[in-house]
Amino acid sequence: MPPSSGRSRGARTGRRFRKRGPKLATVDETSAGGLVLDAKTDRVALIGRLDRRGRLLWSLPKGHIEPGETPEQTAVREVAEETGIDGEVVQPLGTIDYWFIADGAKRIHKTVHHFLLVAHSYELSDEDLEVTEVAWVAFDDLEARLAYADERRLVRKARQLLSEHPLSPGPVERDEVGRG
């Protein structure tokens, strides 16, 4: 007698007989953004967007890389567009990679390059139509506020980097920041 698989002969796995819909097109998208820090007050600018259920989800500012832009240039531009803050890239924080379905018609593979930026202006603006709210949040409160685990991981990395190489509240000297 052959060994039993633990299922009766009539049992079917949901996977084998699952009805499949039309095959979705796969699209690769690349974005950049980051954690923009007010080194004087130890606050970070966050954006809030409404999800499909109407919940406000807080995240780091980010957006699509335009033709001819580097990820660093995109991070600076997107931070300015989504928060109103003029920032400068200090160093890379890491890359987040995820999948989602858009418009029920395509699978999006999204790669987002994140950077640590220092703020050179401090007045927030929520003029970007994609952004519902913008707020300065204390660095220590970020992990509780951010909606996405991958971004919380980047905050922990930024905290470690800043403990090793603190930013001065004055102008950033490019040669001194991010060395290590």
N, C-alpha and C. Protein backbone atom coordinates (compact mmCIF):
# COMPACT_ATOMS: atom_id res chain seq x y z
N MET A 1 0.84 -1.17 0.00
CA MET A 1 0.00 0.00 0.00
C MET A 1 0.89 1.24 0.00
N PRO A 2 0.62 2.20 -0.90
CA PRO A 2 1.46 3.41 -0.96
C PRO A 2 1.22 4.28 0.27
N PRO A 3 2.24 5.08 0.63
CA PRO A 3 2.06 5.95 1.80
C PRO A 3 0.96 6.98 1.53
N SER A 4 0.26 7.34 2.58
CA SER A 4 -0.85 8.29 2.46
C SER A 4 -0.34 9.72 2.47
N SER A 5 -0.98 10.57 1.65
CA SER A 5 -0.62 11.98 1.62
C SER A 5 -1.35 12.75 2.73
N GLY A 6 -2.22 12.06 3.44
CA GLY A 6 -2.96 12.73 4.51
C GLY A 6 -4.29 13.28 4.02
N ARG A 7 -4.62 13.12 2.75
CA ARG A 7 -5.89 13.59 2.19
C ARG A 7 -6.66 12.40 1.68
N SER A 8 -7.97 12.54 1.71
CA SER A 8 -8.77 11.49 1.11
C SER A 8 -8.67 11.61 -0.41
N ARG A 9 -8.95 10.56 -1.12
CA ARG A 9 -8.81 10.57 -2.58
C ARG A 9 -9.68 11.62 -3.26
N GLY A 10 -10.80 11.93 -2.68
CA GLY A 10 -11.70 12.89 -3.31
C GLY A 10 -11.33 14.35 -3.01
N ALA A 11 -10.40 14.57 -2.07
CA ALA A 11 -10.06 15.95 -1.70
C ALA A 11 -9.24 16.60 -2.81
N ARG A 12 -9.54 17.85 -3.06
CA ARG A 12 -8.80 18.61 -4.08
C ARG A 12 -8.12 19.80 -3.40
N THR A 13 -6.96 20.10 -3.87
CA THR A 13 -6.32 21.30 -3.35
C THR A 13 -6.90 22.49 -4.09
N GLY A 14 -7.03 23.58 -3.40
CA GLY A 14 -7.56 24.79 -4.04
C GLY A 14 -6.68 25.27 -5.16
N ARG A 15 -5.40 25.00 -5.07
CA ARG A 15 -4.47 25.52 -6.06
C ARG A 15 -4.65 24.87 -7.42
N ARG A 16 -4.79 23.58 -7.47
CA ARG A 16 -4.84 22.86 -8.74
C ARG A 16 -6.07 23.23 -9.55
N PHE A 17 -7.16 23.52 -8.87
CA PHE A 17 -8.41 23.75 -9.58
C PHE A 17 -8.90 25.19 -9.47
N ARG A 18 -8.01 26.08 -9.08
CA ARG A 18 -8.39 27.49 -8.96
C ARG A 18 -8.65 28.07 -10.35
N LYS A 19 -9.72 28.82 -10.44
CA LYS A 19 -10.05 29.46 -11.70
C LYS A 19 -9.16 30.68 -11.87
N ARG A 20 -8.50 30.78 -12.97
CA ARG A 20 -7.58 31.89 -13.21
C ARG A 20 -8.22 32.92 -14.13
N GLY A 21 -7.97 34.18 -13.81
CA GLY A 21 -8.46 35.27 -14.65
C GLY A 21 -7.46 35.53 -15.76
N PRO A 22 -7.65 36.60 -16.48
CA PRO A 22 -6.72 36.93 -17.56
C PRO A 22 -5.34 37.22 -16.99
N LYS A 23 -4.32 36.88 -17.74
CA LYS A 23 -2.95 37.12 -17.31
C LYS A 23 -2.69 38.63 -17.29
N LEU A 24 -2.12 39.10 -16.19
CA LEU A 24 -1.86 40.53 -16.03
C LEU A 24 -0.50 40.89 -16.62
N ALA A 25 -0.44 42.02 -17.27
CA ALA A 25 0.84 42.52 -17.78
C ALA A 25 1.69 42.95 -16.57
N THR A 26 2.99 42.71 -16.64
CA THR A 26 3.91 43.11 -15.58
C THR A 26 4.67 44.35 -16.02
N VAL A 27 4.72 45.33 -15.14
CA VAL A 27 5.39 46.60 -15.42
C VAL A 27 6.40 46.86 -14.32
N ASP A 28 7.62 47.24 -14.70
CA ASP A 28 8.64 47.64 -13.72
C ASP A 28 8.61 49.16 -13.58
N GLU A 29 8.61 49.63 -12.34
CA GLU A 29 8.65 51.07 -12.06
C GLU A 29 9.76 51.34 -11.05
N THR A 30 10.42 52.47 -11.23
CA THR A 30 11.49 52.86 -10.31
C THR A 30 11.22 54.26 -9.79
N SER A 31 11.34 54.43 -8.49
CA SER A 31 11.12 55.71 -7.83
C SER A 31 12.28 56.01 -6.89
N ALA A 32 12.27 57.22 -6.36
CA ALA A 32 13.27 57.61 -5.37
C ALA A 32 12.65 58.64 -4.43
N GLY A 33 13.19 58.68 -3.24
CA GLY A 33 12.73 59.63 -2.23
C GLY A 33 13.57 59.47 -1.00
N GLY A 34 13.01 59.85 0.13
CA GLY A 34 13.82 59.66 1.31
C GLY A 34 13.31 60.27 2.58
N LEU A 35 14.19 60.17 3.55
CA LEU A 35 13.95 60.67 4.89
C LEU A 35 14.65 62.02 4.97
N VAL A 36 13.85 63.10 5.03
CA VAL A 36 14.42 64.44 5.08
C VAL A 36 14.36 64.94 6.51
N LEU A 37 15.53 65.25 7.05
CA LEU A 37 15.71 65.55 8.46
C LEU A 37 15.97 67.03 8.69
N ASP A 38 15.26 67.61 9.65
CA ASP A 38 15.58 68.93 10.16
C ASP A 38 16.56 68.69 11.30
N ALA A 39 17.86 68.87 11.03
CA ALA A 39 18.90 68.54 12.01
C ALA A 39 18.84 69.43 13.24
N LYS A 40 18.22 70.61 13.14
CA LYS A 40 18.12 71.53 14.29
C LYS A 40 17.14 71.00 15.34
N THR A 41 16.04 70.41 14.88
CA THR A 41 14.99 70.00 15.80
C THR A 41 14.78 68.49 15.86
N ASP A 42 15.57 67.74 15.09
CA ASP A 42 15.48 66.28 15.07
C ASP A 42 14.08 65.81 14.66
N ARG A 43 13.54 66.47 13.60
CA ARG A 43 12.23 66.08 13.05
C ARG A 43 12.41 65.65 11.61
N VAL A 44 11.44 64.87 11.14
CA VAL A 44 11.44 64.36 9.77
C VAL A 44 10.11 64.74 9.12
N ALA A 45 10.17 65.14 7.84
CA ALA A 45 8.95 65.49 7.10
C ALA A 45 8.33 64.21 6.53
N LEU A 46 7.05 64.00 6.83
CA LEU A 46 6.29 62.86 6.30
C LEU A 46 5.12 63.36 5.47
N ILE A 47 4.67 62.49 4.57
CA ILE A 47 3.46 62.79 3.79
C ILE A 47 2.38 61.80 4.17
N GLY A 48 1.14 62.25 4.12
CA GLY A 48 0.00 61.40 4.36
C GLY A 48 -0.84 61.30 3.09
N ARG A 49 -1.19 60.08 2.72
CA ARG A 49 -2.05 59.83 1.56
C ARG A 49 -3.21 58.96 2.01
N LEU A 50 -4.36 59.16 1.37
CA LEU A 50 -5.52 58.33 1.67
C LEU A 50 -5.44 57.04 0.86
N ASP A 51 -5.68 55.91 1.52
CA ASP A 51 -5.74 54.64 0.79
C ASP A 51 -7.15 54.44 0.24
N ARG A 52 -7.37 53.29 -0.42
CA ARG A 52 -8.68 53.02 -1.04
C ARG A 52 -9.82 53.01 -0.03
N ARG A 53 -9.51 52.72 1.23
CA ARG A 53 -10.54 52.68 2.27
C ARG A 53 -10.73 54.02 2.97
N GLY A 54 -9.98 55.03 2.53
CA GLY A 54 -10.11 56.34 3.13
C GLY A 54 -9.25 56.55 4.36
N ARG A 55 -8.35 55.62 4.66
CA ARG A 55 -7.45 55.77 5.81
C ARG A 55 -6.25 56.61 5.42
N LEU A 56 -5.80 57.46 6.33
CA LEU A 56 -4.61 58.28 6.10
C LEU A 56 -3.39 57.45 6.47
N LEU A 57 -2.52 57.21 5.48
CA LEU A 57 -1.30 56.44 5.70
C LEU A 57 -0.10 57.36 5.56
N TRP A 58 0.76 57.35 6.57
CA TRP A 58 1.94 58.21 6.58
C TRP A 58 3.12 57.45 6.00
N SER A 59 3.90 58.16 5.16
CA SER A 59 5.07 57.55 4.53
C SER A 59 6.12 58.60 4.23
N LEU A 60 7.26 58.11 3.76
CA LEU A 60 8.33 59.00 3.32
C LEU A 60 7.99 59.51 1.93
N PRO A 61 8.35 60.75 1.60
CA PRO A 61 8.08 61.27 0.26
C PRO A 61 8.91 60.52 -0.79
N LYS A 62 8.27 60.29 -1.95
CA LYS A 62 8.95 59.57 -3.04
C LYS A 62 8.14 59.72 -4.31
N GLY A 63 8.78 59.43 -5.44
CA GLY A 63 8.07 59.50 -6.71
C GLY A 63 8.92 58.96 -7.85
N HIS A 64 8.31 58.91 -9.03
CA HIS A 64 8.95 58.34 -10.21
C HIS A 64 10.19 59.10 -10.65
N ILE A 65 11.17 58.34 -11.10
CA ILE A 65 12.37 58.93 -11.68
C ILE A 65 12.04 59.35 -13.10
N GLU A 66 12.29 60.62 -13.39
CA GLU A 66 12.04 61.16 -14.73
C GLU A 66 13.23 60.86 -15.64
N PRO A 67 12.99 60.80 -16.95
CA PRO A 67 14.09 60.55 -17.90
C PRO A 67 15.23 61.56 -17.70
N GLY A 68 16.45 61.04 -17.63
CA GLY A 68 17.62 61.88 -17.46
C GLY A 68 17.97 62.21 -16.02
N GLU A 69 17.12 61.83 -15.07
CA GLU A 69 17.38 62.10 -13.65
C GLU A 69 18.13 60.95 -13.00
N THR A 70 18.97 61.28 -12.04
CA THR A 70 19.56 60.25 -11.18
C THR A 70 18.58 60.01 -10.03
N PRO A 71 18.70 58.89 -9.33
CA PRO A 71 17.84 58.68 -8.16
C PRO A 71 18.00 59.79 -7.11
N GLU A 72 19.23 60.30 -6.94
CA GLU A 72 19.45 61.38 -5.98
C GLU A 72 18.71 62.64 -6.39
N GLN A 73 18.76 62.99 -7.67
CA GLN A 73 18.05 64.18 -8.16
C GLN A 73 16.54 64.01 -7.97
N THR A 74 16.05 62.80 -8.23
CA THR A 74 14.62 62.53 -8.04
C THR A 74 14.24 62.68 -6.57
N ALA A 75 15.06 62.17 -5.67
CA ALA A 75 14.76 62.27 -4.24
C ALA A 75 14.62 63.73 -3.83
N VAL A 76 15.54 64.59 -4.26
CA VAL A 76 15.49 66.01 -3.93
C VAL A 76 14.23 66.64 -4.52
N ARG A 77 13.96 66.35 -5.80
CA ARG A 77 12.78 66.93 -6.47
C ARG A 77 11.48 66.48 -5.81
N GLU A 78 11.36 65.18 -5.56
CA GLU A 78 10.12 64.65 -4.97
C GLU A 78 9.89 65.17 -3.55
N VAL A 79 10.94 65.28 -2.76
CA VAL A 79 10.81 65.86 -1.42
C VAL A 79 10.28 67.29 -1.53
N ALA A 80 10.84 68.06 -2.46
CA ALA A 80 10.38 69.44 -2.65
C ALA A 80 8.93 69.49 -3.13
N GLU A 81 8.57 68.65 -4.10
CA GLU A 81 7.21 68.66 -4.64
C GLU A 81 6.18 68.22 -3.60
N GLU A 82 6.51 67.19 -2.83
CA GLU A 82 5.51 66.61 -1.93
C GLU A 82 5.46 67.26 -0.56
N THR A 83 6.56 67.92 -0.14
CA THR A 83 6.58 68.51 1.20
C THR A 83 6.83 70.01 1.20
N GLY A 84 7.38 70.56 0.11
CA GLY A 84 7.76 71.97 0.07
C GLY A 84 9.16 72.21 0.61
N ILE A 85 9.84 71.16 1.06
CA ILE A 85 11.15 71.28 1.69
C ILE A 85 12.27 71.18 0.67
N ASP A 86 13.21 72.11 0.75
CA ASP A 86 14.43 72.06 -0.05
C ASP A 86 15.43 71.21 0.74
N GLY A 87 15.79 70.06 0.18
CA GLY A 87 16.70 69.16 0.88
C GLY A 87 17.91 68.83 0.05
N GLU A 88 18.90 68.27 0.73
CA GLU A 88 20.14 67.86 0.08
C GLU A 88 20.45 66.41 0.50
N VAL A 89 20.79 65.57 -0.49
CA VAL A 89 21.12 64.18 -0.20
C VAL A 89 22.43 64.12 0.57
N VAL A 90 22.39 63.36 1.68
CA VAL A 90 23.58 63.14 2.50
C VAL A 90 24.19 61.79 2.15
N GLN A 91 23.36 60.75 2.09
CA GLN A 91 23.83 59.42 1.75
C GLN A 91 22.66 58.48 1.47
N PRO A 92 22.93 57.36 0.79
CA PRO A 92 21.86 56.39 0.53
C PRO A 92 21.43 55.70 1.82
N LEU A 93 20.13 55.36 1.90
CA LEU A 93 19.61 54.60 3.03
C LEU A 93 19.30 53.16 2.65
N GLY A 94 18.92 52.94 1.41
CA GLY A 94 18.60 51.58 0.98
C GLY A 94 17.51 51.59 -0.07
N THR A 95 17.20 50.40 -0.54
CA THR A 95 16.22 50.22 -1.60
C THR A 95 15.11 49.30 -1.10
N ILE A 96 13.88 49.67 -1.42
CA ILE A 96 12.71 48.85 -1.10
C ILE A 96 12.15 48.33 -2.42
N ASP A 97 11.72 47.09 -2.40
CA ASP A 97 11.25 46.42 -3.60
C ASP A 97 9.93 45.72 -3.24
N TYR A 98 8.85 45.98 -4.01
CA TYR A 98 7.57 45.34 -3.72
C TYR A 98 6.72 45.22 -4.98
N TRP A 99 5.65 44.44 -4.87
CA TRP A 99 4.71 44.19 -5.97
C TRP A 99 3.32 44.64 -5.56
N PHE A 100 2.53 45.11 -6.55
CA PHE A 100 1.12 45.39 -6.30
C PHE A 100 0.36 45.35 -7.63
N ILE A 101 -0.96 45.30 -7.53
CA ILE A 101 -1.83 45.29 -8.71
C ILE A 101 -2.41 46.69 -8.87
N ALA A 102 -2.34 47.24 -10.08
CA ALA A 102 -2.89 48.57 -10.35
C ALA A 102 -4.02 48.47 -11.35
N ASP A 103 -5.11 49.13 -11.05
CA ASP A 103 -6.27 49.20 -11.94
C ASP A 103 -6.80 47.82 -12.33
N GLY A 104 -6.46 46.80 -11.55
CA GLY A 104 -6.90 45.44 -11.84
C GLY A 104 -6.38 44.90 -13.16
N ALA A 105 -5.47 45.63 -13.80
CA ALA A 105 -5.04 45.24 -15.14
C ALA A 105 -3.55 44.99 -15.27
N LYS A 106 -2.74 45.41 -14.27
CA LYS A 106 -1.31 45.18 -14.39
C LYS A 106 -0.67 44.95 -13.03
N ARG A 107 0.35 44.10 -13.06
CA ARG A 107 1.16 43.84 -11.87
C ARG A 107 2.35 44.78 -11.93
N ILE A 108 2.52 45.56 -10.88
CA ILE A 108 3.62 46.53 -10.84
C ILE A 108 4.71 45.98 -9.93
N HIS A 109 5.93 45.95 -10.45
CA HIS A 109 7.10 45.63 -9.65
C HIS A 109 7.80 46.97 -9.40
N LYS A 110 7.74 47.44 -8.16
CA LYS A 110 8.22 48.77 -7.81
C LYS A 110 9.53 48.68 -7.04
N THR A 111 10.51 49.46 -7.46
CA THR A 111 11.78 49.60 -6.76
C THR A 111 11.90 51.07 -6.36
N VAL A 112 12.14 51.31 -5.06
CA VAL A 112 12.25 52.67 -4.56
C VAL A 112 13.60 52.84 -3.88
N HIS A 113 14.39 53.79 -4.39
CA HIS A 113 15.69 54.13 -3.80
C HIS A 113 15.47 55.24 -2.78
N HIS A 114 15.90 54.98 -1.53
CA HIS A 114 15.72 55.97 -0.46
C HIS A 114 17.06 56.55 -0.04
N PHE A 115 17.02 57.83 0.30
CA PHE A 115 18.21 58.55 0.72
C PHE A 115 17.93 59.31 2.00
N LEU A 116 19.00 59.56 2.76
CA LEU A 116 18.93 60.46 3.89
C LEU A 116 19.21 61.86 3.35
N LEU A 117 18.29 62.79 3.61
CA LEU A 117 18.45 64.17 3.16
C LEU A 117 18.44 65.08 4.37
N VAL A 118 19.14 66.19 4.27
CA VAL A 118 19.09 67.21 5.31
C VAL A 118 18.29 68.38 4.73
N ALA A 119 17.40 68.94 5.54
CA ALA A 119 16.55 70.04 5.11
C ALA A 119 17.31 71.35 5.13
N HIS A 120 17.10 72.17 4.10
CA HIS A 120 17.65 73.52 4.04
C HIS A 120 16.54 74.56 4.12
N SER A 121 15.29 74.13 4.08
CA SER A 121 14.14 75.00 4.30
C SER A 121 13.18 74.20 5.17
N TYR A 122 12.22 74.88 5.81
CA TYR A 122 11.47 74.18 6.86
C TYR A 122 9.96 74.38 6.78
N GLU A 123 9.48 75.24 5.88
CA GLU A 123 8.05 75.49 5.78
C GLU A 123 7.41 74.42 4.91
N LEU A 124 6.45 73.69 5.48
CA LEU A 124 5.78 72.60 4.77
C LEU A 124 4.72 73.12 3.81
N SER A 125 4.53 72.38 2.73
CA SER A 125 3.48 72.69 1.75
C SER A 125 2.82 71.40 1.33
N ASP A 126 1.48 71.38 1.28
CA ASP A 126 0.77 70.19 0.82
C ASP A 126 0.09 70.47 -0.51
N GLU A 127 0.75 71.25 -1.36
CA GLU A 127 0.16 71.64 -2.65
C GLU A 127 0.10 70.49 -3.65
N ASP A 128 0.93 69.46 -3.47
CA ASP A 128 0.93 68.32 -4.38
C ASP A 128 -0.43 67.62 -4.27
N LEU A 129 -1.07 67.40 -5.41
CA LEU A 129 -2.42 66.80 -5.42
C LEU A 129 -2.43 65.36 -4.90
N GLU A 130 -1.30 64.67 -4.98
CA GLU A 130 -1.24 63.28 -4.52
C GLU A 130 -1.09 63.17 -3.01
N VAL A 131 -0.81 64.29 -2.35
CA VAL A 131 -0.55 64.31 -0.91
C VAL A 131 -1.74 64.94 -0.19
N THR A 132 -2.22 64.25 0.84
CA THR A 132 -3.35 64.75 1.63
C THR A 132 -2.87 65.66 2.76
N GLU A 133 -1.81 65.24 3.44
CA GLU A 133 -1.26 66.00 4.56
C GLU A 133 0.25 65.90 4.55
N VAL A 134 0.89 66.89 5.17
CA VAL A 134 2.34 66.90 5.36
C VAL A 134 2.58 67.30 6.81
N ALA A 135 3.56 66.67 7.44
CA ALA A 135 3.83 67.00 8.85
C ALA A 135 5.29 66.78 9.19
N TRP A 136 5.78 67.62 10.10
CA TRP A 136 7.06 67.35 10.74
C TRP A 136 6.78 66.42 11.91
N VAL A 137 7.52 65.34 12.00
CA VAL A 137 7.32 64.34 13.06
C VAL A 137 8.65 64.13 13.77
N ALA A 138 8.62 64.08 15.09
CA ALA A 138 9.84 63.83 15.86
C ALA A 138 10.45 62.51 15.42
N PHE A 139 11.76 62.51 15.26
CA PHE A 139 12.46 61.29 14.82
C PHE A 139 12.06 60.09 15.69
N ASP A 140 11.94 60.31 16.99
CA ASP A 140 11.60 59.21 17.90
C ASP A 140 10.19 58.68 17.71
N ASP A 141 9.31 59.43 17.03
CA ASP A 141 7.92 59.01 16.82
C ASP A 141 7.69 58.37 15.44
N LEU A 142 8.73 58.33 14.60
CA LEU A 142 8.55 57.86 13.22
C LEU A 142 8.05 56.43 13.12
N GLU A 143 8.66 55.53 13.87
CA GLU A 143 8.29 54.12 13.72
C GLU A 143 6.82 53.89 14.05
N ALA A 144 6.29 54.63 15.00
CA ALA A 144 4.87 54.48 15.35
C ALA A 144 3.97 55.11 14.29
N ARG A 145 4.45 56.10 13.58
CA ARG A 145 3.63 56.83 12.62
C ARG A 145 3.64 56.21 11.22
N LEU A 146 4.79 55.69 10.78
CA LEU A 146 4.89 55.18 9.41
C LEU A 146 4.02 53.95 9.19
N ALA A 147 3.37 53.90 8.05
CA ALA A 147 2.44 52.82 7.74
C ALA A 147 3.13 51.56 7.24
N TYR A 148 4.34 51.67 6.72
CA TYR A 148 4.97 50.53 6.04
C TYR A 148 6.22 50.04 6.78
N ALA A 149 6.27 48.72 6.99
CA ALA A 149 7.37 48.10 7.73
C ALA A 149 8.73 48.36 7.07
N ASP A 150 8.78 48.33 5.75
CA ASP A 150 10.05 48.57 5.06
C ASP A 150 10.58 49.97 5.34
N GLU A 151 9.70 50.95 5.43
CA GLU A 151 10.13 52.30 5.74
C GLU A 151 10.56 52.42 7.20
N ARG A 152 9.90 51.68 8.10
CA ARG A 152 10.33 51.67 9.50
C ARG A 152 11.74 51.09 9.61
N ARG A 153 12.04 50.09 8.79
CA ARG A 153 13.39 49.51 8.76
C ARG A 153 14.41 50.56 8.33
N LEU A 154 14.07 51.39 7.33
CA LEU A 154 14.96 52.45 6.88
C LEU A 154 15.19 53.50 7.97
N VAL A 155 14.17 53.77 8.76
CA VAL A 155 14.31 54.71 9.88
C VAL A 155 15.32 54.17 10.89
N ARG A 156 15.25 52.87 11.17
CA ARG A 156 16.23 52.27 12.10
C ARG A 156 17.64 52.39 11.53
N LYS A 157 17.78 52.19 10.22
CA LYS A 157 19.10 52.32 9.58
C LYS A 157 19.58 53.77 9.67
N ALA A 158 18.69 54.73 9.41
CA ALA A 158 19.06 56.14 9.50
C ALA A 158 19.49 56.49 10.92
N ARG A 159 18.77 55.96 11.91
CA ARG A 159 19.12 56.22 13.31
C ARG A 159 20.53 55.72 13.60
N GLN A 160 20.85 54.53 13.10
CA GLN A 160 22.19 53.97 13.31
C GLN A 160 23.25 54.83 12.61
N LEU A 161 22.99 55.21 11.36
CA LEU A 161 23.95 56.04 10.62
C LEU A 161 24.18 57.37 11.31
N LEU A 162 23.10 57.98 11.80
CA LEU A 162 23.22 59.27 12.47
C LEU A 162 23.90 59.17 13.82
N SER A 163 23.79 58.02 14.49
CA SER A 163 24.49 57.86 15.76
C SER A 163 26.00 57.72 15.52
N GLU A 164 26.36 57.17 14.37
CA GLU A 164 27.78 57.02 14.02
C GLU A 164 28.36 58.30 13.44
N HIS A 165 27.54 59.06 12.69
CA HIS A 165 27.98 60.28 12.02
C HIS A 165 26.90 61.36 12.17
N PRO A 166 26.81 61.99 13.36
CA PRO A 166 25.75 62.99 13.57
C PRO A 166 25.87 64.16 12.59
N LEU A 167 24.72 64.69 12.21
CA LEU A 167 24.68 65.88 11.37
C LEU A 167 24.71 67.10 12.26
N SER A 168 25.44 68.11 11.86
CA SER A 168 25.41 69.35 12.62
C SER A 168 24.19 70.15 12.17
N PRO A 169 23.62 70.95 13.06
CA PRO A 169 22.45 71.72 12.67
C PRO A 169 22.76 72.83 11.67
N GLY A 170 24.02 73.16 11.47
CA GLY A 170 24.40 74.21 10.53
C GLY A 170 24.45 73.66 9.11
N PRO A 171 25.05 74.43 8.19
CA PRO A 171 25.16 73.98 6.80
C PRO A 171 25.92 72.66 6.71
N VAL A 172 25.51 71.82 5.80
CA VAL A 172 26.13 70.52 5.63
C VAL A 172 27.37 70.67 4.76
N GLU A 173 28.46 70.15 5.22
CA GLU A 173 29.68 70.11 4.43
C GLU A 173 29.74 68.76 3.75
N ARG A 174 29.65 68.75 2.45
CA ARG A 174 29.58 67.51 1.70
C ARG A 174 30.75 66.57 1.98
N ASP A 175 31.96 67.11 2.21
CA ASP A 175 33.12 66.25 2.42
C ASP A 175 33.09 65.54 3.77
N GLU A 176 32.36 66.09 4.74
CA GLU A 176 32.35 65.52 6.07
C GLU A 176 31.19 64.55 6.28
N VAL A 177 30.12 64.68 5.55
CA VAL A 177 28.92 63.88 5.79
C VAL A 177 28.99 62.58 5.00
N GLY A 178 28.60 61.52 5.64
CA GLY A 178 28.48 60.23 4.95
C GLY A 178 29.79 59.51 4.80
N ARG A 179 30.88 60.06 5.39
CA ARG A 179 32.13 59.33 5.34
C ARG A 179 32.09 58.20 6.33
N GLY A 180 32.75 57.16 6.01
CA GLY A 180 32.77 56.09 7.00
C GLY A 180 33.31 54.93 6.40
